[in-house]
Amino acid sequence: MEQKFKEIASRYCKGDVGEITPEMAIREDLGLSSLDLMTFLGDLEDEFDIEFDFGADEQKLGNIRTVGDAIGLLNEYVG
């Protein structure tokens, strides 16, 4: 799952998949804007056949700061 996550993330940051680490900041290190992040989350939903609950999980989604945070949330849904 982490590898697929990185492949999708690399579409937005134009970085090498191998260079993406869990410690990297979504905005600062990967360079994703707020709009990029929302589109990225939509791509994750499509790829993993899940649907984030933006109402119930608004705080969790808003607290995504690092790649590790995003993978952790994804694990909760795919689980």
PDB file of N, CA and C in Angstrom:
ATOM      1  N   MET A   1       0.821  -1.184   0.000  1.00  0.00           N
ATOM      2  CA  MET A   1       0.000   0.000   0.000  1.00  0.00           C
ATOM      3  C   MET A   1       0.873   1.260   0.000  1.00  0.00           C
ATOM      4  N   GLU A   2       1.932   1.237   0.788  1.00  0.00           N
ATOM      5  CA  GLU A   2       2.797   2.417   0.861  1.00  0.00           C
ATOM      6  C   GLU A   2       3.421   2.723  -0.491  1.00  0.00           C
ATOM      7  N   GLN A   3       3.810   1.692  -1.217  1.00  0.00           N
ATOM      8  CA  GLN A   3       4.414   1.902  -2.534  1.00  0.00           C
ATOM      9  C   GLN A   3       3.418   2.546  -3.496  1.00  0.00           C
ATOM     10  N   LYS A   4       2.176   2.057  -3.509  1.00  0.00           N
ATOM     11  CA  LYS A   4       1.152   2.627  -4.385  1.00  0.00           C
ATOM     12  C   LYS A   4       0.887   4.081  -3.990  1.00  0.00           C
ATOM     13  N   PHE A   5       0.847   4.352  -2.677  1.00  0.00           N
ATOM     14  CA  PHE A   5       0.673   5.708  -2.184  1.00  0.00           C
ATOM     15  C   PHE A   5       1.771   6.617  -2.748  1.00  0.00           C
ATOM     16  N   LYS A   6       3.007   6.151  -2.669  1.00  0.00           N
ATOM     17  CA  LYS A   6       4.140   6.948  -3.153  1.00  0.00           C
ATOM     18  C   LYS A   6       4.056   7.184  -4.656  1.00  0.00           C
ATOM     19  N   GLU A   7       3.617   6.167  -5.396  1.00  0.00           N
ATOM     20  CA  GLU A   7       3.472   6.323  -6.848  1.00  0.00           C
ATOM     21  C   GLU A   7       2.456   7.409  -7.173  1.00  0.00           C
ATOM     22  N   ILE A   8       1.352   7.424  -6.450  1.00  0.00           N
ATOM     23  CA  ILE A   8       0.330   8.446  -6.675  1.00  0.00           C
ATOM     24  C   ILE A   8       0.866   9.803  -6.257  1.00  0.00           C
ATOM     25  N   ALA A   9       1.553   9.872  -5.128  1.00  0.00           N
ATOM     26  CA  ALA A   9       2.115  11.132  -4.638  1.00  0.00           C
ATOM     27  C   ALA A   9       3.116  11.708  -5.642  1.00  0.00           C
ATOM     28  N   SER A  10       3.884  10.838  -6.267  1.00  0.00           N
ATOM     29  CA  SER A  10       4.902  11.325  -7.202  1.00  0.00           C
ATOM     30  C   SER A  10       4.289  12.005  -8.419  1.00  0.00           C
ATOM     31  N   ARG A  11       3.028  11.729  -8.716  1.00  0.00           N
ATOM     32  CA  ARG A  11       2.340  12.412  -9.827  1.00  0.00           C
ATOM     33  C   ARG A  11       2.190  13.900  -9.535  1.00  0.00           C
ATOM     34  N   TYR A  12       2.115  14.226  -8.275  1.00  0.00           N
ATOM     35  CA  TYR A  12       1.880  15.606  -7.875  1.00  0.00           C
ATOM     36  C   TYR A  12       3.160  16.356  -7.548  1.00  0.00           C
ATOM     37  N   CYS A  13       4.154  15.649  -7.043  1.00  0.00           N
ATOM     38  CA  CYS A  13       5.368  16.344  -6.618  1.00  0.00           C
ATOM     39  C   CYS A  13       6.487  16.246  -7.640  1.00  0.00           C
ATOM     40  N   LYS A  14       6.282  15.459  -8.658  1.00  0.00           N
ATOM     41  CA  LYS A  14       7.279  15.282  -9.720  1.00  0.00           C
ATOM     42  C   LYS A  14       8.603  14.788  -9.166  1.00  0.00           C
ATOM     43  N   GLY A  15       8.543  14.120  -8.035  1.00  0.00           N
ATOM     44  CA  GLY A  15       9.750  13.567  -7.451  1.00  0.00           C
ATOM     45  C   GLY A  15       9.852  12.087  -7.730  1.00  0.00           C
ATOM     46  N   ASP A  16      10.988  11.555  -7.435  1.00  0.00           N
ATOM     47  CA  ASP A  16      11.222  10.127  -7.582  1.00  0.00           C
ATOM     48  C   ASP A  16      10.518   9.396  -6.447  1.00  0.00           C
ATOM     49  N   VAL A  17       9.814   8.335  -6.770  1.00  0.00           N
ATOM     50  CA  VAL A  17       9.076   7.556  -5.777  1.00  0.00           C
ATOM     51  C   VAL A  17      10.005   7.110  -4.657  1.00  0.00           C
ATOM     52  N   GLY A  18      11.223   6.725  -4.988  1.00  0.00           N
ATOM     53  CA  GLY A  18      12.181   6.255  -4.000  1.00  0.00           C
ATOM     54  C   GLY A  18      12.646   7.311  -3.025  1.00  0.00           C
ATOM     55  N   GLU A  19      12.446   8.578  -3.367  1.00  0.00           N
ATOM     56  CA  GLU A  19      12.881   9.668  -2.499  1.00  0.00           C
ATOM     57  C   GLU A  19      11.818  10.081  -1.484  1.00  0.00           C
ATOM     58  N   ILE A  20      10.604   9.579  -1.618  1.00  0.00           N
ATOM     59  CA  ILE A  20       9.521   9.956  -0.715  1.00  0.00           C
ATOM     60  C   ILE A  20       9.625   9.115   0.549  1.00  0.00           C
ATOM     61  N   THR A  21       9.700   9.805   1.702  1.00  0.00           N
ATOM     62  CA  THR A  21       9.794   9.122   2.991  1.00  0.00           C
ATOM     63  C   THR A  21       8.618   9.535   3.872  1.00  0.00           C
ATOM     64  N   PRO A  22       8.280   8.720   4.880  1.00  0.00           N
ATOM     65  CA  PRO A  22       7.164   9.051   5.767  1.00  0.00           C
ATOM     66  C   PRO A  22       7.347  10.375   6.519  1.00  0.00           C
ATOM     67  N   GLU A  23       8.588  10.791   6.702  1.00  0.00           N
ATOM     68  CA  GLU A  23       8.856  12.019   7.450  1.00  0.00           C
ATOM     69  C   GLU A  23       8.653  13.287   6.628  1.00  0.00           C
ATOM     70  N   MET A  24       8.539  13.149   5.328  1.00  0.00           N
ATOM     71  CA  MET A  24       8.431  14.324   4.457  1.00  0.00           C
ATOM     72  C   MET A  24       7.103  15.044   4.673  1.00  0.00           C
ATOM     73  N   ALA A  25       7.186  16.378   4.696  1.00  0.00           N
ATOM     74  CA  ALA A  25       5.993  17.211   4.834  1.00  0.00           C
ATOM     75  C   ALA A  25       5.284  17.292   3.487  1.00  0.00           C
ATOM     76  N   ILE A  26       3.964  17.113   3.528  1.00  0.00           N
ATOM     77  CA  ILE A  26       3.156  17.120   2.306  1.00  0.00           C
ATOM     78  C   ILE A  26       3.311  18.437   1.554  1.00  0.00           C
ATOM     79  N   ARG A  27       3.188  19.537   2.262  1.00  0.00           N
ATOM     80  CA  ARG A  27       3.230  20.843   1.598  1.00  0.00           C
ATOM     81  C   ARG A  27       4.652  21.316   1.326  1.00  0.00           C
ATOM     82  N   GLU A  28       5.489  21.305   2.343  1.00  0.00           N
ATOM     83  CA  GLU A  28       6.826  21.871   2.199  1.00  0.00           C
ATOM     84  C   GLU A  28       7.758  20.995   1.353  1.00  0.00           C
ATOM     85  N   ASP A  29       7.786  19.703   1.651  1.00  0.00           N
ATOM     86  CA  ASP A  29       8.730  18.828   0.954  1.00  0.00           C
ATOM     87  C   ASP A  29       8.210  18.333  -0.393  1.00  0.00           C
ATOM     88  N   LEU A  30       6.927  17.977  -0.443  1.00  0.00           N
ATOM     89  CA  LEU A  30       6.370  17.491  -1.702  1.00  0.00           C
ATOM     90  C   LEU A  30       5.819  18.616  -2.566  1.00  0.00           C
ATOM     91  N   GLY A  31       5.522  19.757  -1.932  1.00  0.00           N
ATOM     92  CA  GLY A  31       5.057  20.907  -2.681  1.00  0.00           C
ATOM     93  C   GLY A  31       3.595  20.866  -3.082  1.00  0.00           C
ATOM     94  N   LEU A  32       2.779  20.065  -2.385  1.00  0.00           N
ATOM     95  CA  LEU A  32       1.358  19.991  -2.717  1.00  0.00           C
ATOM     96  C   LEU A  32       0.618  21.185  -2.132  1.00  0.00           C
ATOM     97  N   SER A  33      -0.184  21.823  -2.948  1.00  0.00           N
ATOM     98  CA  SER A  33      -1.049  22.901  -2.484  1.00  0.00           C
ATOM     99  C   SER A  33      -2.288  22.271  -1.849  1.00  0.00           C
ATOM    100  N   SER A  34      -3.142  23.084  -1.273  1.00  0.00           N
ATOM    101  CA  SER A  34      -4.390  22.575  -0.695  1.00  0.00           C
ATOM    102  C   SER A  34      -5.231  21.883  -1.763  1.00  0.00           C
ATOM    103  N   LEU A  35      -5.299  22.474  -2.934  1.00  0.00           N
ATOM    104  CA  LEU A  35      -6.062  21.884  -4.040  1.00  0.00           C
ATOM    105  C   LEU A  35      -5.431  20.571  -4.494  1.00  0.00           C
ATOM    106  N   ASP A  36      -4.092  20.549  -4.602  1.00  0.00           N
ATOM    107  CA  ASP A  36      -3.398  19.307  -4.957  1.00  0.00           C
ATOM    108  C   ASP A  36      -3.707  18.210  -3.947  1.00  0.00           C
ATOM    109  N   LEU A  37      -3.716  18.563  -2.660  1.00  0.00           N
ATOM    110  CA  LEU A  37      -3.972  17.581  -1.613  1.00  0.00           C
ATOM    111  C   LEU A  37      -5.369  16.992  -1.750  1.00  0.00           C
ATOM    112  N   MET A  38      -6.352  17.824  -2.030  1.00  0.00           N
ATOM    113  CA  MET A  38      -7.720  17.324  -2.180  1.00  0.00           C
ATOM    114  C   MET A  38      -7.825  16.406  -3.401  1.00  0.00           C
ATOM    115  N   THR A  39      -7.189  16.775  -4.489  1.00  0.00           N
ATOM    116  CA  THR A  39      -7.194  15.942  -5.691  1.00  0.00           C
ATOM    117  C   THR A  39      -6.457  14.632  -5.421  1.00  0.00           C
ATOM    118  N   PHE A  40      -5.348  14.737  -4.715  1.00  0.00           N
ATOM    119  CA  PHE A  40      -4.563  13.566  -4.340  1.00  0.00           C
ATOM    120  C   PHE A  40      -5.396  12.604  -3.489  1.00  0.00           C
ATOM    121  N   LEU A  41      -6.129  13.138  -2.507  1.00  0.00           N
ATOM    122  CA  LEU A  41      -6.995  12.303  -1.678  1.00  0.00           C
ATOM    123  C   LEU A  41      -8.064  11.617  -2.527  1.00  0.00           C
ATOM    124  N   GLY A  42      -8.584  12.329  -3.517  1.00  0.00           N
ATOM    125  CA  GLY A  42      -9.552  11.735  -4.437  1.00  0.00           C
ATOM    126  C   GLY A  42      -8.936  10.594  -5.231  1.00  0.00           C
ATOM    127  N   ASP A  43      -7.697  10.758  -5.651  1.00  0.00           N
ATOM    128  CA  ASP A  43      -7.004   9.680  -6.371  1.00  0.00           C
ATOM    129  C   ASP A  43      -6.802   8.467  -5.466  1.00  0.00           C
ATOM    130  N   LEU A  44      -6.501   8.719  -4.197  1.00  0.00           N
ATOM    131  CA  LEU A  44      -6.347   7.610  -3.245  1.00  0.00           C
ATOM    132  C   LEU A  44      -7.668   6.872  -3.070  1.00  0.00           C
ATOM    133  N   GLU A  45      -8.762   7.631  -2.995  1.00  0.00           N
ATOM    134  CA  GLU A  45     -10.083   7.006  -2.883  1.00  0.00           C
ATOM    135  C   GLU A  45     -10.342   6.087  -4.067  1.00  0.00           C
ATOM    136  N   ASP A  46     -10.045   6.576  -5.260  1.00  0.00           N
ATOM    137  CA  ASP A  46     -10.264   5.783  -6.470  1.00  0.00           C
ATOM    138  C   ASP A  46      -9.373   4.540  -6.491  1.00  0.00           C
ATOM    139  N   GLU A  47      -8.110   4.727  -6.191  1.00  0.00           N
ATOM    140  CA  GLU A  47      -7.148   3.621  -6.257  1.00  0.00           C
ATOM    141  C   GLU A  47      -7.449   2.517  -5.249  1.00  0.00           C
ATOM    142  N   PHE A  48      -7.832   2.910  -4.033  1.00  0.00           N
ATOM    143  CA  PHE A  48      -8.036   1.923  -2.972  1.00  0.00           C
ATOM    144  C   PHE A  48      -9.508   1.600  -2.735  1.00  0.00           C
ATOM    145  N   ASP A  49     -10.376   2.127  -3.590  1.00  0.00           N
ATOM    146  CA  ASP A  49     -11.813   1.878  -3.509  1.00  0.00           C
ATOM    147  C   ASP A  49     -12.356   2.157  -2.099  1.00  0.00           C
ATOM    148  N   ILE A  50     -12.053   3.368  -1.630  1.00  0.00           N
ATOM    149  CA  ILE A  50     -12.526   3.822  -0.322  1.00  0.00           C
ATOM    150  C   ILE A  50     -13.182   5.182  -0.507  1.00  0.00           C
ATOM    151  N   GLU A  51     -13.809   5.662   0.542  1.00  0.00           N
ATOM    152  CA  GLU A  51     -14.377   7.008   0.516  1.00  0.00           C
ATOM    153  C   GLU A  51     -14.106   7.660   1.866  1.00  0.00           C
ATOM    154  N   PHE A  52     -13.270   8.704   1.839  1.00  0.00           N
ATOM    155  CA  PHE A  52     -12.983   9.427   3.068  1.00  0.00           C
ATOM    156  C   PHE A  52     -14.255  10.130   3.528  1.00  0.00           C
ATOM    157  N   ASP A  53     -14.488  10.111   4.808  1.00  0.00           N
ATOM    158  CA  ASP A  53     -15.649  10.778   5.388  1.00  0.00           C
ATOM    159  C   ASP A  53     -15.214  12.185   5.804  1.00  0.00           C
ATOM    160  N   PHE A  54     -15.359  13.134   4.885  1.00  0.00           N
ATOM    161  CA  PHE A  54     -14.878  14.487   5.120  1.00  0.00           C
ATOM    162  C   PHE A  54     -15.642  15.191   6.234  1.00  0.00           C
ATOM    163  N   GLY A  55     -16.826  14.711   6.570  1.00  0.00           N
ATOM    164  CA  GLY A  55     -17.571  15.270   7.696  1.00  0.00           C
ATOM    165  C   GLY A  55     -17.035  14.758   9.013  1.00  0.00           C
ATOM    166  N   ALA A  56     -17.048  13.451   9.178  1.00  0.00           N
ATOM    167  CA  ALA A  56     -16.631  12.837  10.436  1.00  0.00           C
ATOM    168  C   ALA A  56     -15.126  12.932  10.658  1.00  0.00           C
ATOM    169  N   ASP A  57     -14.353  12.886   9.590  1.00  0.00           N
ATOM    170  CA  ASP A  57     -12.899  12.891   9.719  1.00  0.00           C
ATOM    171  C   ASP A  57     -12.263  14.217   9.327  1.00  0.00           C
ATOM    172  N   GLU A  58     -13.035  15.266   9.379  1.00  0.00           N
ATOM    173  CA  GLU A  58     -12.515  16.579   8.980  1.00  0.00           C
ATOM    174  C   GLU A  58     -11.243  16.932   9.737  1.00  0.00           C
ATOM    175  N   GLN A  59     -11.229  16.695  11.035  1.00  0.00           N
ATOM    176  CA  GLN A  59     -10.049  17.036  11.834  1.00  0.00           C
ATOM    177  C   GLN A  59      -8.855  16.172  11.429  1.00  0.00           C
ATOM    178  N   LYS A  60      -9.081  14.877  11.247  1.00  0.00           N
ATOM    179  CA  LYS A  60      -7.990  13.994  10.834  1.00  0.00           C
ATOM    180  C   LYS A  60      -7.435  14.420   9.475  1.00  0.00           C
ATOM    181  N   LEU A  61      -8.326  14.684   8.548  1.00  0.00           N
ATOM    182  CA  LEU A  61      -7.894  15.087   7.210  1.00  0.00           C
ATOM    183  C   LEU A  61      -7.168  16.425   7.253  1.00  0.00           C
ATOM    184  N   GLY A  62      -7.641  17.321   8.102  1.00  0.00           N
ATOM    185  CA  GLY A  62      -6.996  18.629   8.233  1.00  0.00           C
ATOM    186  C   GLY A  62      -5.655  18.570   8.918  1.00  0.00           C
ATOM    187  N   ASN A  63      -5.405  17.484   9.653  1.00  0.00           N
ATOM    188  CA  ASN A  63      -4.150  17.343  10.383  1.00  0.00           C
ATOM    189  C   ASN A  63      -3.088  16.562   9.618  1.00  0.00           C
ATOM    190  N   ILE A  64      -3.352  16.259   8.369  1.00  0.00           N
ATOM    191  CA  ILE A  64      -2.347  15.574   7.566  1.00  0.00           C
ATOM    192  C   ILE A  64      -1.224  16.561   7.271  1.00  0.00           C
ATOM    193  N   ARG A  65      -0.073  16.291   7.823  1.00  0.00           N
ATOM    194  CA  ARG A  65       1.090  17.160   7.627  1.00  0.00           C
ATOM    195  C   ARG A  65       2.220  16.440   6.886  1.00  0.00           C
ATOM    196  N   THR A  66       2.345  15.139   7.164  1.00  0.00           N
ATOM    197  CA  THR A  66       3.445  14.378   6.579  1.00  0.00           C
ATOM    198  C   THR A  66       2.912  13.210   5.751  1.00  0.00           C
ATOM    199  N   VAL A  67       3.807  12.634   4.992  1.00  0.00           N
ATOM    200  CA  VAL A  67       3.476  11.439   4.224  1.00  0.00           C
ATOM    201  C   VAL A  67       3.029  10.337   5.182  1.00  0.00           C
ATOM    202  N   GLY A  68       3.703  10.223   6.320  1.00  0.00           N
ATOM    203  CA  GLY A  68       3.340   9.220   7.313  1.00  0.00           C
ATOM    204  C   GLY A  68       1.937   9.419   7.854  1.00  0.00           C
ATOM    205  N   ASP A  69       1.544  10.688   8.076  1.00  0.00           N
ATOM    206  CA  ASP A  69       0.179  10.982   8.531  1.00  0.00           C
ATOM    207  C   ASP A  69      -0.839  10.485   7.509  1.00  0.00           C
ATOM    208  N   ALA A  70      -0.576  10.764   6.257  1.00  0.00           N
ATOM    209  CA  ALA A  70      -1.505  10.378   5.185  1.00  0.00           C
ATOM    210  C   ALA A  70      -1.587   8.864   5.051  1.00  0.00           C
ATOM    211  N   ILE A  71      -0.448   8.193   5.143  1.00  0.00           N
ATOM    212  CA  ILE A  71      -0.457   6.732   5.055  1.00  0.00           C
ATOM    213  C   ILE A  71      -1.183   6.133   6.251  1.00  0.00           C
ATOM    214  N   GLY A  72      -0.992   6.726   7.421  1.00  0.00           N
ATOM    215  CA  GLY A  72      -1.706   6.248   8.606  1.00  0.00           C
ATOM    216  C   GLY A  72      -3.209   6.345   8.457  1.00  0.00           C
ATOM    217  N   LEU A  73      -3.691   7.472   7.941  1.00  0.00           N
ATOM    218  CA  LEU A  73      -5.123   7.636   7.726  1.00  0.00           C
ATOM    219  C   LEU A  73      -5.626   6.656   6.668  1.00  0.00           C
ATOM    220  N   LEU A  74      -4.849   6.486   5.626  1.00  0.00           N
ATOM    221  CA  LEU A  74      -5.224   5.531   4.583  1.00  0.00           C
ATOM    222  C   LEU A  74      -5.347   4.114   5.163  1.00  0.00           C
ATOM    223  N   ASN A  75      -4.433   3.755   6.037  1.00  0.00           N
ATOM    224  CA  ASN A  75      -4.485   2.440   6.691  1.00  0.00           C
ATOM    225  C   ASN A  75      -5.770   2.253   7.495  1.00  0.00           C
ATOM    226  N   GLU A  76      -6.251   3.328   8.100  1.00  0.00           N
ATOM    227  CA  GLU A  76      -7.512   3.244   8.856  1.00  0.00           C
ATOM    228  C   GLU A  76      -8.681   2.879   7.944  1.00  0.00           C
ATOM    229  N   TYR A  77      -8.649   3.385   6.724  1.00  0.00           N
ATOM    230  CA  TYR A  77      -9.750   3.142   5.794  1.00  0.00           C
ATOM    231  C   TYR A  77      -9.618   1.815   5.065  1.00  0.00           C
ATOM    232  N   VAL A  78      -8.388   1.461   4.711  1.00  0.00           N
ATOM    233  CA  VAL A  78      -8.161   0.235   3.946  1.00  0.00           C
ATOM    234  C   VAL A  78      -8.110  -0.966   4.898  1.00  0.00           C
ATOM    235  N   GLY A  79      -7.507  -0.722   6.038  1.00  0.00           N
ATOM    236  CA  GLY A  79      -7.304  -1.574   7.098  1.00  0.00           C
ATOM    237  C   GLY A  79      -7.405  -2.930   7.278  1.00  0.00           C
TER     238      GLY A  79
END
